[in-house]
Every structure is written in C-alpha cells, then in structure tokens.
C-alpha cells in the first residue's frame, strides 16, 4: 500500500517545483522519493490540463474565474431588479380585450 503524505507536504513540493526547483532537489529536501514527486507533478498537470508552470498559473486562472463569476452575479442582480421594477410599472398583458 502506498504511503500517505500530508497535503501540506504535497503542496510544499508543488510550490518548490513552481519556483523552478528540480524534482531531484525537491525530493531530497523534503525526504521524498523522486517517483513520488514526479507523480505529484504529473497529477497536477493531468487535473489542470496544463503542464506545471507553477501554482501561480492556477491562481491566475482561479482569480480570473472568480472575477468573471462576480461580474455575472452583478449582471444577474441588475436584471432581476429591473424585472421587479418593470413588473410593478407595466402589468402583464392579458387585461385587454382578446384579439380576433
């Protein structure tokens, strides 16, 4: 059974790799096997669909996604408020006489 490592160790290894450190150096510094560090690096690349260019790349994508979500939520609130205002001013059609 593979040995379980704490997520903080996993994150530290990915941070060091993102700084440009070699797998060999990271493995030696954190007392890990090289295959473990390679596997972690590859699993991150598989999850993100990108080769590891640093956790900064992930945080940039995440920040951009959060900004877009916030923008869309503001638009949605504005549209909902406008709908409420229009419903108060203009009653829905149906009170007029039916067409022939």
PDB file of N, CA and C in Angstrom:
ATOM      1  N   UNK A   1       0.849  -1.188   0.000  1.00  0.00           N
ATOM      2  CA  UNK A   1       0.000   0.000   0.000  1.00  0.00           C
ATOM      3  C   UNK A   1       0.889   1.244   0.000  1.00  0.00           C
ATOM      4  N   UNK A   2       0.574   2.239  -0.868  1.00  0.00           N
ATOM      5  CA  UNK A   2       1.395   3.449  -0.913  1.00  0.00           C
ATOM      6  C   UNK A   2       1.311   4.228   0.387  1.00  0.00           C
ATOM      7  N   UNK A   3       2.412   4.853   0.704  1.00  0.00           N
ATOM      8  CA  UNK A   3       2.474   5.668   1.917  1.00  0.00           C
ATOM      9  C   UNK A   3       1.667   6.953   1.720  1.00  0.00           C
ATOM     10  N   UNK A   4       0.936   7.340   2.727  1.00  0.00           N
ATOM     11  CA  UNK A   4       0.141   8.565   2.670  1.00  0.00           C
ATOM     12  C   UNK A   4       0.978   9.735   3.189  1.00  0.00           C
ATOM     13  N   UNK A   5       1.017  10.806   2.427  1.00  0.00           N
ATOM     14  CA  UNK A   5       1.752  12.007   2.822  1.00  0.00           C
ATOM     15  C   UNK A   5       0.749  13.099   3.144  1.00  0.00           C
ATOM     16  N   UNK A   6       1.062  13.957   4.103  1.00  0.00           N
ATOM     17  CA  UNK A   6       0.135  15.067   4.407  1.00  0.00           C
ATOM     18  C   UNK A   6       0.017  16.013   3.216  1.00  0.00           C
ATOM     19  N   UNK A   7      -1.146  16.612   3.090  1.00  0.00           N
ATOM     20  CA  UNK A   7      -1.373  17.518   1.958  1.00  0.00           C
ATOM     21  C   UNK A   7      -0.441  18.726   2.026  1.00  0.00           C
ATOM     22  N   UNK A   8      -0.029  19.125   3.229  1.00  0.00           N
ATOM     23  CA  UNK A   8       0.893  20.257   3.339  1.00  0.00           C
ATOM     24  C   UNK A   8       2.237  19.921   2.690  1.00  0.00           C
ATOM     25  N   UNK A   9       2.673  18.670   2.817  1.00  0.00           N
ATOM     26  CA  UNK A   9       3.919  18.237   2.186  1.00  0.00           C
ATOM     27  C   UNK A   9       3.753  18.226   0.669  1.00  0.00           C
ATOM     28  N   UNK A  10       2.611  17.758   0.219  1.00  0.00           N
ATOM     29  CA  UNK A  10       2.292  17.736  -1.213  1.00  0.00           C
ATOM     30  C   UNK A  10       2.307  19.158  -1.771  1.00  0.00           C
ATOM     31  N   UNK A  11       1.634  20.077  -1.078  1.00  0.00           N
ATOM     32  CA  UNK A  11       1.582  21.475  -1.526  1.00  0.00           C
ATOM     33  C   UNK A  11       2.966  22.115  -1.524  1.00  0.00           C
ATOM     34  N   UNK A  12       3.764  21.814  -0.492  1.00  0.00           N
ATOM     35  CA  UNK A  12       5.118  22.366  -0.404  1.00  0.00           C
ATOM     36  C   UNK A  12       5.956  21.893  -1.589  1.00  0.00           C
ATOM     37  N   UNK A  13       5.829  20.615  -1.924  1.00  0.00           N
ATOM     38  CA  UNK A  13       6.580  20.073  -3.057  1.00  0.00           C
ATOM     39  C   UNK A  13       6.183  20.780  -4.351  1.00  0.00           C
ATOM     40  N   UNK A  14       4.885  20.992  -4.554  1.00  0.00           N
ATOM     41  CA  UNK A  14       4.430  21.667  -5.774  1.00  0.00           C
ATOM     42  C   UNK A  14       4.886  23.124  -5.801  1.00  0.00           C
ATOM     43  N   UNK A  15       4.909  23.769  -4.639  1.00  0.00           N
ATOM     44  CA  UNK A  15       5.401  25.151  -4.574  1.00  0.00           C
ATOM     45  C   UNK A  15       6.876  25.221  -4.978  1.00  0.00           C
ATOM     46  N   UNK A  16       7.680  24.290  -4.454  1.00  0.00           N
ATOM     47  CA  UNK A  16       9.103  24.281  -4.796  1.00  0.00           C
ATOM     48  C   UNK A  16       9.308  24.013  -6.284  1.00  0.00           C
ATOM     49  N   UNK A  17       8.525  23.113  -6.842  1.00  0.00           N
ATOM     50  CA  UNK A  17       8.613  22.849  -8.276  1.00  0.00           C
ATOM     51  C   UNK A  17       8.235  24.091  -9.080  1.00  0.00           C
ATOM     52  N   UNK A  18       7.231  24.803  -8.605  1.00  0.00           N
ATOM     53  CA  UNK A  18       6.783  26.016  -9.295  1.00  0.00           C
ATOM     54  C   UNK A  18       7.862  27.093  -9.277  1.00  0.00           C
ATOM     55  N   UNK A  19       8.699  27.068  -8.243  1.00  0.00           N
ATOM     56  CA  UNK A  19       9.793  28.035  -8.164  1.00  0.00           C
ATOM     57  C   UNK A  19      10.928  27.694  -9.115  1.00  0.00           C
ATOM     58  N   UNK A  20      10.798  26.536  -9.788  1.00  0.00           N
ATOM     59  CA  UNK A  20      11.817  26.157 -10.748  1.00  0.00           C
ATOM     60  C   UNK A  20      12.818  25.143 -10.224  1.00  0.00           C
ATOM     61  N   UNK A  21      12.587  24.657  -9.011  1.00  0.00           N
ATOM     62  CA  UNK A  21      13.485  23.653  -8.441  1.00  0.00           C
ATOM     63  C   UNK A  21      13.312  22.333  -9.173  1.00  0.00           C
ATOM     64  N   UNK A  22      14.357  21.555  -9.240  1.00  0.00           N
ATOM     65  CA  UNK A  22      14.293  20.264  -9.927  1.00  0.00           C
ATOM     66  C   UNK A  22      13.612  19.228  -9.040  1.00  0.00           C
ATOM     67  N   UNK A  23      13.096  18.196  -9.670  1.00  0.00           N
ATOM     68  CA  UNK A  23      12.447  17.115  -8.938  1.00  0.00           C
ATOM     69  C   UNK A  23      13.439  16.478  -7.970  1.00  0.00           C
ATOM     70  N   UNK A  24      14.672  16.320  -8.427  1.00  0.00           N
ATOM     71  CA  UNK A  24      15.718  15.723  -7.589  1.00  0.00           C
ATOM     72  C   UNK A  24      15.935  16.549  -6.324  1.00  0.00           C
ATOM     73  N   UNK A  25      16.039  17.883  -6.459  1.00  0.00           N
ATOM     74  CA  UNK A  25      16.263  18.759  -5.310  1.00  0.00           C
ATOM     75  C   UNK A  25      15.073  18.736  -4.347  1.00  0.00           C
ATOM     76  N   UNK A  26      13.868  18.787  -4.922  1.00  0.00           N
ATOM     77  CA  UNK A  26      12.655  18.783  -4.093  1.00  0.00           C
ATOM     78  C   UNK A  26      12.554  17.480  -3.317  1.00  0.00           C
ATOM     79  N   UNK A  27      12.803  16.385  -3.995  1.00  0.00           N
ATOM     80  CA  UNK A  27      12.733  15.078  -3.340  1.00  0.00           C
ATOM     81  C   UNK A  27      13.747  14.982  -2.202  1.00  0.00           C
ATOM     82  N   UNK A  28      14.958  15.468  -2.439  1.00  0.00           N
ATOM     83  CA  UNK A  28      15.992  15.411  -1.409  1.00  0.00           C
ATOM     84  C   UNK A  28      15.644  16.316  -0.229  1.00  0.00           C
ATOM     85  N   UNK A  29      15.175  17.519  -0.522  1.00  0.00           N
ATOM     86  CA  UNK A  29      14.880  18.469   0.564  1.00  0.00           C
ATOM     87  C   UNK A  29      13.724  17.997   1.443  1.00  0.00           C
ATOM     88  N   UNK A  30      12.716  17.405   0.835  1.00  0.00           N
ATOM     89  CA  UNK A  30      11.528  17.002   1.589  1.00  0.00           C
ATOM     90  C   UNK A  30      11.552  15.528   1.994  1.00  0.00           C
ATOM     91  N   UNK A  31      12.662  14.861   1.717  1.00  0.00           N
ATOM     92  CA  UNK A  31      12.826  13.445   2.065  1.00  0.00           C
ATOM     93  C   UNK A  31      11.742  12.582   1.435  1.00  0.00           C
ATOM     94  N   UNK A  32      11.549  12.797   0.143  1.00  0.00           N
ATOM     95  CA  UNK A  32      10.590  12.021  -0.639  1.00  0.00           C
ATOM     96  C   UNK A  32      11.333  11.276  -1.732  1.00  0.00           C
ATOM     97  N   UNK A  33      10.695  10.271  -2.282  1.00  0.00           N
ATOM     98  CA  UNK A  33      11.302   9.592  -3.423  1.00  0.00           C
ATOM     99  C   UNK A  33      11.034  10.410  -4.679  1.00  0.00           C
ATOM    100  N   UNK A  34      11.944  10.324  -5.636  1.00  0.00           N
ATOM    101  CA  UNK A  34      11.750  11.057  -6.883  1.00  0.00           C
ATOM    102  C   UNK A  34      10.486  10.625  -7.615  1.00  0.00           C
ATOM    103  N   UNK A  35      10.188   9.323  -7.681  1.00  0.00           N
ATOM    104  CA  UNK A  35       8.944   8.933  -8.366  1.00  0.00           C
ATOM    105  C   UNK A  35       7.691   9.555  -7.741  1.00  0.00           C
ATOM    106  N   UNK A  36       7.711   9.740  -6.416  1.00  0.00           N
ATOM    107  CA  UNK A  36       6.564  10.376  -5.754  1.00  0.00           C
ATOM    108  C   UNK A  36       6.406  11.811  -6.231  1.00  0.00           C
ATOM    109  N   UNK A  37       7.497  12.541  -6.279  1.00  0.00           N
ATOM    110  CA  UNK A  37       7.442  13.944  -6.705  1.00  0.00           C
ATOM    111  C   UNK A  37       7.044  14.030  -8.174  1.00  0.00           C
ATOM    112  N   UNK A  38       7.588  13.152  -9.015  1.00  0.00           N
ATOM    113  CA  UNK A  38       7.176  13.122 -10.430  1.00  0.00           C
ATOM    114  C   UNK A  38       5.676  12.852 -10.559  1.00  0.00           C
ATOM    115  N   UNK A  39       5.177  11.902  -9.776  1.00  0.00           N
ATOM    116  CA  UNK A  39       3.754  11.540  -9.839  1.00  0.00           C
ATOM    117  C   UNK A  39       2.878  12.721  -9.416  1.00  0.00           C
ATOM    118  N   UNK A  40       3.283  13.419  -8.357  1.00  0.00           N
ATOM    119  CA  UNK A  40       2.508  14.575  -7.912  1.00  0.00           C
ATOM    120  C   UNK A  40       2.497  15.660  -8.976  1.00  0.00           C
ATOM    121  N   UNK A  41       3.662  15.883  -9.575  1.00  0.00           N
ATOM    122  CA  UNK A  41       3.742  16.904 -10.620  1.00  0.00           C
ATOM    123  C   UNK A  41       2.857  16.530 -11.800  1.00  0.00           C
ATOM    124  N   UNK A  42       2.884  15.268 -12.195  1.00  0.00           N
ATOM    125  CA  UNK A  42       2.077  14.820 -13.322  1.00  0.00           C
ATOM    126  C   UNK A  42       0.587  14.855 -12.994  1.00  0.00           C
ATOM    127  N   UNK A  43       0.216  14.502 -11.766  1.00  0.00           N
ATOM    128  CA  UNK A  43      -1.210  14.513 -11.403  1.00  0.00           C
ATOM    129  C   UNK A  43      -1.767  15.929 -11.461  1.00  0.00           C
ATOM    130  N   UNK A  44      -0.960  16.909 -11.083  1.00  0.00           N
ATOM    131  CA  UNK A  44      -1.404  18.299 -11.183  1.00  0.00           C
ATOM    132  C   UNK A  44      -1.587  18.689 -12.643  1.00  0.00           C
ATOM    133  N   UNK A  45      -0.654  18.285 -13.482  1.00  0.00           N
ATOM    134  CA  UNK A  45      -0.772  18.586 -14.912  1.00  0.00           C
ATOM    135  C   UNK A  45      -2.001  17.919 -15.499  1.00  0.00           C
ATOM    136  N   UNK A  46      -2.297  16.685 -15.076  1.00  0.00           N
ATOM    137  CA  UNK A  46      -3.470  15.971 -15.583  1.00  0.00           C
ATOM    138  C   UNK A  46      -4.760  16.660 -15.151  1.00  0.00           C
ATOM    139  N   UNK A  47      -4.805  17.127 -13.917  1.00  0.00           N
ATOM    140  CA  UNK A  47      -6.019  17.782 -13.401  1.00  0.00           C
ATOM    141  C   UNK A  47      -6.279  19.112 -14.091  1.00  0.00           C
ATOM    142  N   UNK A  48      -5.236  19.858 -14.328  1.00  0.00           N
ATOM    143  CA  UNK A  48      -5.407  21.198 -14.889  1.00  0.00           C
ATOM    144  C   UNK A  48      -5.412  21.216 -16.399  1.00  0.00           C
ATOM    145  N   UNK A  49      -4.894  20.163 -17.008  1.00  0.00           N
ATOM    146  CA  UNK A  49      -4.799  20.147 -18.458  1.00  0.00           C
ATOM    147  C   UNK A  49      -3.613  20.941 -18.963  1.00  0.00           C
ATOM    148  N   UNK A  50      -2.763  21.382 -18.061  1.00  0.00           N
ATOM    149  CA  UNK A  50      -1.581  22.158 -18.425  1.00  0.00           C
ATOM    150  C   UNK A  50      -0.351  21.492 -17.822  1.00  0.00           C
ATOM    151  N   UNK A  51       0.751  21.708 -18.447  1.00  0.00           N
ATOM    152  CA  UNK A  51       1.995  21.282 -17.825  1.00  0.00           C
ATOM    153  C   UNK A  51       2.256  22.216 -16.659  1.00  0.00           C
ATOM    154  N   UNK A  52       2.964  21.727 -15.694  1.00  0.00           N
ATOM    155  CA  UNK A  52       3.229  22.519 -14.495  1.00  0.00           C
ATOM    156  C   UNK A  52       4.091  23.723 -14.852  1.00  0.00           C
ATOM    157  N   UNK A  53       3.528  24.869 -14.745  1.00  0.00           N
ATOM    158  CA  UNK A  53       4.282  26.095 -14.931  1.00  0.00           C
ATOM    159  C   UNK A  53       4.216  26.899 -13.653  1.00  0.00           C
ATOM    160  N   UNK A  54       3.689  26.270 -12.641  1.00  0.00           N
ATOM    161  CA  UNK A  54       3.651  26.923 -11.340  1.00  0.00           C
ATOM    162  C   UNK A  54       2.250  27.051 -10.819  1.00  0.00           C
ATOM    163  N   UNK A  55       2.190  27.058  -9.517  1.00  0.00           N
ATOM    164  CA  UNK A  55       0.894  27.229  -8.880  1.00  0.00           C
ATOM    165  C   UNK A  55       0.356  28.631  -9.159  1.00  0.00           C
ATOM    166  N   UNK A  56       1.250  29.537  -9.542  1.00  0.00           N
ATOM    167  CA  UNK A  56       0.799  30.879  -9.893  1.00  0.00           C
ATOM    168  C   UNK A  56      -0.145  30.823 -11.083  1.00  0.00           C
ATOM    169  N   UNK A  57       0.128  29.939 -12.040  1.00  0.00           N
ATOM    170  CA  UNK A  57      -0.749  29.816 -13.207  1.00  0.00           C
ATOM    171  C   UNK A  57      -2.143  29.390 -12.775  1.00  0.00           C
ATOM    172  N   UNK A  58      -2.202  28.489 -11.815  1.00  0.00           N
ATOM    173  CA  UNK A  58      -3.503  28.057 -11.312  1.00  0.00           C
ATOM    174  C   UNK A  58      -4.209  29.190 -10.595  1.00  0.00           C
ATOM    175  N   UNK A  59      -3.467  29.934  -9.780  1.00  0.00           N
ATOM    176  CA  UNK A  59      -4.106  31.012  -9.036  1.00  0.00           C
ATOM    177  C   UNK A  59      -4.564  32.135  -9.965  1.00  0.00           C
ATOM    178  N   UNK A  60      -3.845  32.358 -11.060  1.00  0.00           N
ATOM    179  CA  UNK A  60      -4.265  33.372 -12.036  1.00  0.00           C
ATOM    180  C   UNK A  60      -5.575  32.939 -12.686  1.00  0.00           C
ATOM    181  N   UNK A  61      -5.657  31.661 -13.089  1.00  0.00           N
ATOM    182  CA  UNK A  61      -6.887  31.154 -13.693  1.00  0.00           C
ATOM    183  C   UNK A  61      -8.050  31.219 -12.706  1.00  0.00           C
ATOM    184  N   UNK A  62      -7.784  30.856 -11.475  1.00  0.00           N
ATOM    185  CA  UNK A  62      -8.823  30.871 -10.450  1.00  0.00           C
ATOM    186  C   UNK A  62      -9.287  32.302 -10.180  1.00  0.00           C
ATOM    187  N   UNK A  63      -8.359  33.234 -10.115  1.00  0.00           N
ATOM    188  CA  UNK A  63      -8.725  34.638  -9.899  1.00  0.00           C
ATOM    189  C   UNK A  63      -9.573  35.166 -11.051  1.00  0.00           C
ATOM    190  N   UNK A  64      -9.202  34.815 -12.259  1.00  0.00           N
ATOM    191  CA  UNK A  64      -9.966  35.257 -13.427  1.00  0.00           C
ATOM    192  C   UNK A  64     -11.369  34.657 -13.404  1.00  0.00           C
ATOM    193  N   UNK A  65     -11.472  33.391 -13.032  1.00  0.00           N
ATOM    194  CA  UNK A  65     -12.788  32.746 -12.966  1.00  0.00           C
ATOM    195  C   UNK A  65     -13.651  33.392 -11.887  1.00  0.00           C
ATOM    196  N   UNK A  66     -13.063  33.677 -10.740  1.00  0.00           N
ATOM    197  CA  UNK A  66     -13.820  34.323  -9.657  1.00  0.00           C
ATOM    198  C   UNK A  66     -14.282  35.720 -10.057  1.00  0.00           C
ATOM    199  N   UNK A  67     -13.432  36.460 -10.755  1.00  0.00           N
ATOM    200  CA  UNK A  67     -13.811  37.797 -11.214  1.00  0.00           C
ATOM    201  C   UNK A  67     -14.968  37.713 -12.204  1.00  0.00           C
ATOM    202  N   UNK A  68     -14.908  36.750 -13.102  1.00  0.00           N
ATOM    203  CA  UNK A  68     -15.992  36.570 -14.087  1.00  0.00           C
ATOM    204  C   UNK A  68     -17.289  36.178 -13.402  1.00  0.00           C
ATOM    205  N   UNK A  69     -17.218  35.304 -12.420  1.00  0.00           N
ATOM    206  CA  UNK A  69     -18.412  34.904 -11.669  1.00  0.00           C
ATOM    207  C   UNK A  69     -19.015  36.100 -10.958  1.00  0.00           C
ATOM    208  N   UNK A  70     -18.172  36.909 -10.331  1.00  0.00           N
ATOM    209  CA  UNK A  70     -18.666  38.104  -9.638  1.00  0.00           C
ATOM    210  C   UNK A  70     -19.353  39.055 -10.615  1.00  0.00           C
ATOM    211  N   UNK A  71     -18.755  39.230 -11.796  1.00  0.00           N
ATOM    212  CA  UNK A  71     -19.350  40.093 -12.823  1.00  0.00           C
ATOM    213  C   UNK A  71     -20.720  39.560 -13.261  1.00  0.00           C
ATOM    214  N   UNK A  72     -20.808  38.261 -13.500  1.00  0.00           N
ATOM    215  CA  UNK A  72     -22.076  37.666 -13.919  1.00  0.00           C
ATOM    216  C   UNK A  72     -23.132  37.750 -12.817  1.00  0.00           C
ATOM    217  N   UNK A  73     -22.714  37.602 -11.566  1.00  0.00           N
ATOM    218  CA  UNK A  73     -23.666  37.730 -10.459  1.00  0.00           C
ATOM    219  C   UNK A  73     -24.201  39.155 -10.359  1.00  0.00           C
ATOM    220  N   UNK A  74     -23.331  40.153 -10.588  1.00  0.00           N
ATOM    221  CA  UNK A  74     -23.792  41.552 -10.586  1.00  0.00           C
ATOM    222  C   UNK A  74     -24.798  41.783 -11.706  1.00  0.00           C
ATOM    223  N   UNK A  75     -24.507  41.265 -12.896  1.00  0.00           N
ATOM    224  CA  UNK A  75     -25.437  41.403 -14.013  1.00  0.00           C
ATOM    225  C   UNK A  75     -26.781  40.748 -13.703  1.00  0.00           C
ATOM    226  N   UNK A  76     -26.738  39.572 -13.117  1.00  0.00           N
ATOM    227  CA  UNK A  76     -27.956  38.853 -12.785  1.00  0.00           C
ATOM    228  C   UNK A  76     -28.790  39.630 -11.770  1.00  0.00           C
ATOM    229  N   UNK A  77     -28.121  40.196 -10.757  1.00  0.00           N
ATOM    230  CA  UNK A  77     -28.849  41.012  -9.769  1.00  0.00           C
ATOM    231  C   UNK A  77     -29.502  42.221 -10.439  1.00  0.00           C
ATOM    232  N   UNK A  78     -28.779  42.852 -11.362  1.00  0.00           N
ATOM    233  CA  UNK A  78     -29.322  44.013 -12.063  1.00  0.00           C
ATOM    234  C   UNK A  78     -30.533  43.615 -12.906  1.00  0.00           C
ATOM    235  N   UNK A  79     -30.451  42.498 -13.596  1.00  0.00           N
ATOM    236  CA  UNK A  79     -31.573  42.041 -14.426  1.00  0.00           C
ATOM    237  C   UNK A  79     -32.777  41.675 -13.564  1.00  0.00           C
ATOM    238  N   UNK A  80     -32.531  41.029 -12.447  1.00  0.00           N
ATOM    239  CA  UNK A  80     -33.641  40.677 -11.553  1.00  0.00           C
ATOM    240  C   UNK A  80     -34.308  41.926 -10.992  1.00  0.00           C
ATOM    241  N   UNK A  81     -33.501  42.910 -10.617  1.00  0.00           N
ATOM    242  CA  UNK A  81     -34.055  44.158 -10.085  1.00  0.00           C
ATOM    243  C   UNK A  81     -34.857  44.888 -11.160  1.00  0.00           C
ATOM    244  N   UNK A  82     -34.348  44.920 -12.372  1.00  0.00           N
ATOM    245  CA  UNK A  82     -35.058  45.557 -13.479  1.00  0.00           C
ATOM    246  C   UNK A  82     -36.384  44.856 -13.744  1.00  0.00           C
ATOM    247  N   UNK A  83     -36.383  43.541 -13.692  1.00  0.00           N
ATOM    248  CA  UNK A  83     -37.612  42.780 -13.887  1.00  0.00           C
ATOM    249  C   UNK A  83     -38.630  43.124 -12.815  1.00  0.00           C
ATOM    250  N   UNK A  84     -38.177  43.232 -11.561  1.00  0.00           N
ATOM    251  CA  UNK A  84     -39.078  43.607 -10.468  1.00  0.00           C
ATOM    252  C   UNK A  84     -39.680  44.984 -10.718  1.00  0.00           C
ATOM    253  N   UNK A  85     -38.854  45.937 -11.127  1.00  0.00           N
ATOM    254  CA  UNK A  85     -39.333  47.298 -11.370  1.00  0.00           C
ATOM    255  C   UNK A  85     -40.325  47.334 -12.526  1.00  0.00           C
ATOM    256  N   UNK A  86     -40.030  46.612 -13.598  1.00  0.00           N
ATOM    257  CA  UNK A  86     -40.937  46.603 -14.742  1.00  0.00           C
ATOM    258  C   UNK A  86     -42.258  45.924 -14.412  1.00  0.00           C
ATOM    259  N   UNK A  87     -42.241  44.894 -13.610  1.00  0.00           N
ATOM    260  CA  UNK A  87     -43.475  44.221 -13.219  1.00  0.00           C
ATOM    261  C   UNK A  87     -44.361  45.132 -12.383  1.00  0.00           C
ATOM    262  N   UNK A  88     -43.737  46.027 -11.603  1.00  0.00           N
ATOM    263  CA  UNK A  88     -44.508  46.973 -10.799  1.00  0.00           C
ATOM    264  C   UNK A  88     -45.134  48.056 -11.666  1.00  0.00           C
ATOM    265  N   UNK A  89     -44.466  48.477 -12.733  1.00  0.00           N
ATOM    266  CA  UNK A  89     -44.928  49.577 -13.567  1.00  0.00           C
ATOM    267  C   UNK A  89     -45.840  49.095 -14.686  1.00  0.00           C
ATOM    268  N   UNK A  90     -45.463  48.048 -15.382  1.00  0.00           N
ATOM    269  CA  UNK A  90     -46.204  47.570 -16.534  1.00  0.00           C
ATOM    270  C   UNK A  90     -46.803  46.215 -16.192  1.00  0.00           C
ATOM    271  N   UNK A  91     -48.139  46.171 -16.040  1.00  0.00           N
ATOM    272  CA  UNK A  91     -48.744  44.877 -15.721  1.00  0.00           C
ATOM    273  C   UNK A  91     -48.639  43.944 -16.920  1.00  0.00           C
ATOM    274  N   UNK A  92     -48.590  42.659 -16.669  1.00  0.00           N
ATOM    275  CA  UNK A  92     -48.511  41.724 -17.777  1.00  0.00           C
ATOM    276  C   UNK A  92     -49.739  41.843 -18.662  1.00  0.00           C
ATOM    277  N   UNK A  93     -49.552  41.615 -19.934  1.00  0.00           N
ATOM    278  CA  UNK A  93     -50.651  41.717 -20.878  1.00  0.00           C
ATOM    279  C   UNK A  93     -51.673  40.641 -20.570  1.00  0.00           C
ATOM    280  N   UNK A  94     -52.896  40.914 -20.791  1.00  0.00           N
ATOM    281  CA  UNK A  94     -53.965  39.950 -20.522  1.00  0.00           C
ATOM    282  C   UNK A  94     -55.212  40.670 -20.058  1.00  0.00           C
ATOM    283  N   UNK A  95     -55.060  41.908 -19.650  1.00  0.00           N
ATOM    284  CA  UNK A  95     -56.204  42.672 -19.221  1.00  0.00           C
ATOM    285  C   UNK A  95     -56.947  43.330 -20.373  1.00  0.00           C
ATOM    286  N   UNK A  96     -56.350  43.311 -21.537  1.00  0.00           N
ATOM    287  CA  UNK A  96     -57.005  43.943 -22.682  1.00  0.00           C
ATOM    288  C   UNK A  96     -57.949  42.943 -23.336  1.00  0.00           C
ATOM    289  N   UNK A  97     -58.726  43.419 -24.268  1.00  0.00           N
ATOM    290  CA  UNK A  97     -59.684  42.528 -24.920  1.00  0.00           C
ATOM    291  C   UNK A  97     -58.964  41.560 -25.847  1.00  0.00           C
ATOM    292  N   UNK A  98     -59.470  40.385 -26.000  1.00  0.00           N
ATOM    293  CA  UNK A  98     -58.807  39.385 -26.848  1.00  0.00           C
ATOM    294  C   UNK A  98     -58.845  39.788 -28.322  1.00  0.00           C
ATOM    295  N   UNK A  99     -57.833  39.373 -29.037  1.00  0.00           N
ATOM    296  CA  UNK A  99     -57.784  39.676 -30.468  1.00  0.00           C
ATOM    297  C   UNK A  99     -58.679  38.689 -31.215  1.00  0.00           C
ATOM    298  N   UNK A 100     -59.082  39.078 -32.419  1.00  0.00           N
ATOM    299  CA  UNK A 100     -59.969  38.217 -33.193  1.00  0.00           C
ATOM    300  C   UNK A 100     -59.257  37.190 -33.958  1.00  0.00           C
TER     301      UNK A 100
END
